[in-house]
Amino acid sequence: MRKTILLAICAVALLNGCASNDLEKKCSETVARSDCPAGTAGKMMSEYDNDLSGMDDQRCRVRGPVGSEAYLQCRREVRRDRRN
């Protein structure tokens, strides 16, 4: 029984060391990265950011056509609000 537990602990320690390349480490963080594989925290955050950007764009298009002063003002407000 003790050997099984010790073997399991060694296996977990060994597998944790396998995720040693920088991309794997960065993709496990919740920072948006489009170059991460699907299903990782980095990729999910990147997709979430893209979804928000699309929704923000649609919301601002209601105020005016793309490039208009009203549209640009809306995008600045959204960007400011997202930072806070």
C-alpha atoms as a PDB file:
ATOM      1  CA  MET A   1       0.000   0.000   0.000  1.00  0.00           C
ATOM      2  CA  ARG A   2       2.787   2.425   0.881  1.00  0.00           C
ATOM      3  CA  LYS A   3       4.631   1.568  -2.325  1.00  0.00           C
ATOM      4  CA  THR A   4       1.533   2.388  -4.364  1.00  0.00           C
ATOM      5  CA  ILE A   5       1.109   5.749  -2.680  1.00  0.00           C
ATOM      6  CA  LEU A   6       4.810   6.535  -3.074  1.00  0.00           C
ATOM      7  CA  LEU A   7       4.687   5.515  -6.734  1.00  0.00           C
ATOM      8  CA  ALA A   8       1.639   7.742  -7.327  1.00  0.00           C
ATOM      9  CA  ILE A   9       3.382  10.710  -5.685  1.00  0.00           C
ATOM     10  CA  CYS A  10       6.485  10.160  -7.831  1.00  0.00           C
ATOM     11  CA  ALA A  11       4.361   9.922 -10.994  1.00  0.00           C
ATOM     12  CA  VAL A  12       2.572  13.197 -10.212  1.00  0.00           C
ATOM     13  CA  ALA A  13       5.868  14.934  -9.464  1.00  0.00           C
ATOM     14  CA  LEU A  14       7.345  13.660 -12.723  1.00  0.00           C
ATOM     15  CA  LEU A  15       4.334  14.735 -14.792  1.00  0.00           C
ATOM     16  CA  ASN A  16       4.323  18.200 -13.238  1.00  0.00           C
ATOM     17  CA  GLY A  17       7.897  18.635 -14.406  1.00  0.00           C
ATOM     18  CA  CYS A  18       6.941  17.761 -17.982  1.00  0.00           C
ATOM     19  CA  ALA A  19       5.057  21.028 -18.514  1.00  0.00           C
ATOM     20  CA  SER A  20       8.302  22.890 -18.619  1.00  0.00           C
ATOM     21  CA  ASN A  21       8.231  24.778 -21.887  1.00  0.00           C
ATOM     22  CA  ASP A  22       7.285  28.429 -21.723  1.00  0.00           C
ATOM     23  CA  LEU A  23       4.183  28.185 -23.934  1.00  0.00           C
ATOM     24  CA  GLU A  24       2.628  25.476 -21.746  1.00  0.00           C
ATOM     25  CA  LYS A  25       3.289  27.537 -18.635  1.00  0.00           C
ATOM     26  CA  LYS A  26       1.898  30.714 -20.210  1.00  0.00           C
ATOM     27  CA  CYS A  27      -1.182  28.919 -21.541  1.00  0.00           C
ATOM     28  CA  SER A  28      -2.046  27.666 -18.061  1.00  0.00           C
ATOM     29  CA  GLU A  29      -2.305  31.272 -16.840  1.00  0.00           C
ATOM     30  CA  THR A  30      -5.467  33.310 -17.309  1.00  0.00           C
ATOM     31  CA  VAL A  31      -3.839  35.788 -19.670  1.00  0.00           C
ATOM     32  CA  ALA A  32      -5.303  35.963 -23.167  1.00  0.00           C
ATOM     33  CA  ARG A  33      -3.028  34.263 -25.717  1.00  0.00           C
ATOM     34  CA  SER A  34      -4.318  33.363 -29.166  1.00  0.00           C
ATOM     35  CA  ASP A  35      -1.420  30.984 -29.826  1.00  0.00           C
ATOM     36  CA  CYS A  36      -2.439  28.595 -27.020  1.00  0.00           C
ATOM     37  CA  PRO A  37      -4.020  25.205 -27.755  1.00  0.00           C
ATOM     38  CA  ALA A  38      -7.806  24.890 -27.501  1.00  0.00           C
ATOM     39  CA  GLY A  39      -9.138  24.241 -24.015  1.00  0.00           C
ATOM     40  CA  THR A  40      -6.344  26.018 -22.149  1.00  0.00           C
ATOM     41  CA  ALA A  41      -6.991  29.004 -19.909  1.00  0.00           C
ATOM     42  CA  GLY A  42      -5.007  31.316 -22.202  1.00  0.00           C
ATOM     43  CA  LYS A  43      -7.009  30.322 -25.293  1.00  0.00           C
ATOM     44  CA  MET A  44     -10.348  30.635 -23.473  1.00  0.00           C
ATOM     45  CA  MET A  45      -9.455  34.144 -22.295  1.00  0.00           C
ATOM     46  CA  SER A  46      -8.425  35.082 -25.840  1.00  0.00           C
ATOM     47  CA  GLU A  47     -11.761  33.863 -27.210  1.00  0.00           C
ATOM     48  CA  TYR A  48     -13.605  35.702 -24.425  1.00  0.00           C
ATOM     49  CA  ASP A  49     -11.791  38.942 -25.296  1.00  0.00           C
ATOM     50  CA  ASN A  50     -12.663  38.491 -28.977  1.00  0.00           C
ATOM     51  CA  ASP A  51     -16.324  37.940 -28.096  1.00  0.00           C
ATOM     52  CA  LEU A  52     -16.388  41.088 -25.970  1.00  0.00           C
ATOM     53  CA  SER A  53     -14.732  43.106 -28.714  1.00  0.00           C
ATOM     54  CA  GLY A  54     -17.384  41.976 -31.193  1.00  0.00           C
ATOM     55  CA  MET A  55     -20.188  42.878 -28.812  1.00  0.00           C
ATOM     56  CA  ASP A  56     -18.613  46.257 -28.105  1.00  0.00           C
ATOM     57  CA  ASP A  57     -18.320  46.904 -31.831  1.00  0.00           C
ATOM     58  CA  GLN A  58     -22.004  46.118 -32.400  1.00  0.00           C
ATOM     59  CA  ARG A  59     -23.031  48.292 -29.462  1.00  0.00           C
ATOM     60  CA  CYS A  60     -21.018  51.235 -30.787  1.00  0.00           C
ATOM     61  CA  ARG A  61     -22.323  50.825 -34.353  1.00  0.00           C
ATOM     62  CA  VAL A  62     -25.749  51.721 -32.987  1.00  0.00           C
ATOM     63  CA  ARG A  63     -24.395  55.158 -32.091  1.00  0.00           C
ATOM     64  CA  GLY A  64     -22.932  55.795 -35.524  1.00  0.00           C
ATOM     65  CA  PRO A  65     -21.134  54.293 -38.519  1.00  0.00           C
ATOM     66  CA  VAL A  66     -17.640  52.917 -38.082  1.00  0.00           C
ATOM     67  CA  GLY A  67     -15.144  55.753 -38.030  1.00  0.00           C
ATOM     68  CA  SER A  68     -17.645  58.412 -37.048  1.00  0.00           C
ATOM     69  CA  GLU A  69     -16.969  60.570 -34.015  1.00  0.00           C
ATOM     70  CA  ALA A  70     -19.876  58.984 -32.099  1.00  0.00           C
ATOM     71  CA  TYR A  71     -18.548  55.483 -32.832  1.00  0.00           C
ATOM     72  CA  LEU A  72     -14.992  56.372 -31.823  1.00  0.00           C
ATOM     73  CA  GLN A  73     -16.199  58.058 -28.639  1.00  0.00           C
ATOM     74  CA  CYS A  74     -18.185  54.936 -27.764  1.00  0.00           C
ATOM     75  CA  ARG A  75     -15.130  52.710 -28.315  1.00  0.00           C
ATOM     76  CA  ARG A  76     -13.033  54.961 -26.054  1.00  0.00           C
ATOM     77  CA  GLU A  77     -15.693  54.769 -23.340  1.00  0.00           C
ATOM     78  CA  VAL A  78     -15.901  50.982 -23.612  1.00  0.00           C
ATOM     79  CA  ARG A  79     -12.114  50.640 -23.457  1.00  0.00           C
ATOM     80  CA  ARG A  80     -12.000  52.894 -20.384  1.00  0.00           C
ATOM     81  CA  ASP A  81     -14.820  50.965 -18.697  1.00  0.00           C
ATOM     82  CA  ARG A  82     -13.137  47.598 -19.349  1.00  0.00           C
ATOM     83  CA  ARG A  83      -9.946  48.787 -17.665  1.00  0.00           C
ATOM     84  CA  ASN A  84     -11.838  49.692 -14.482  1.00  0.00           C
END
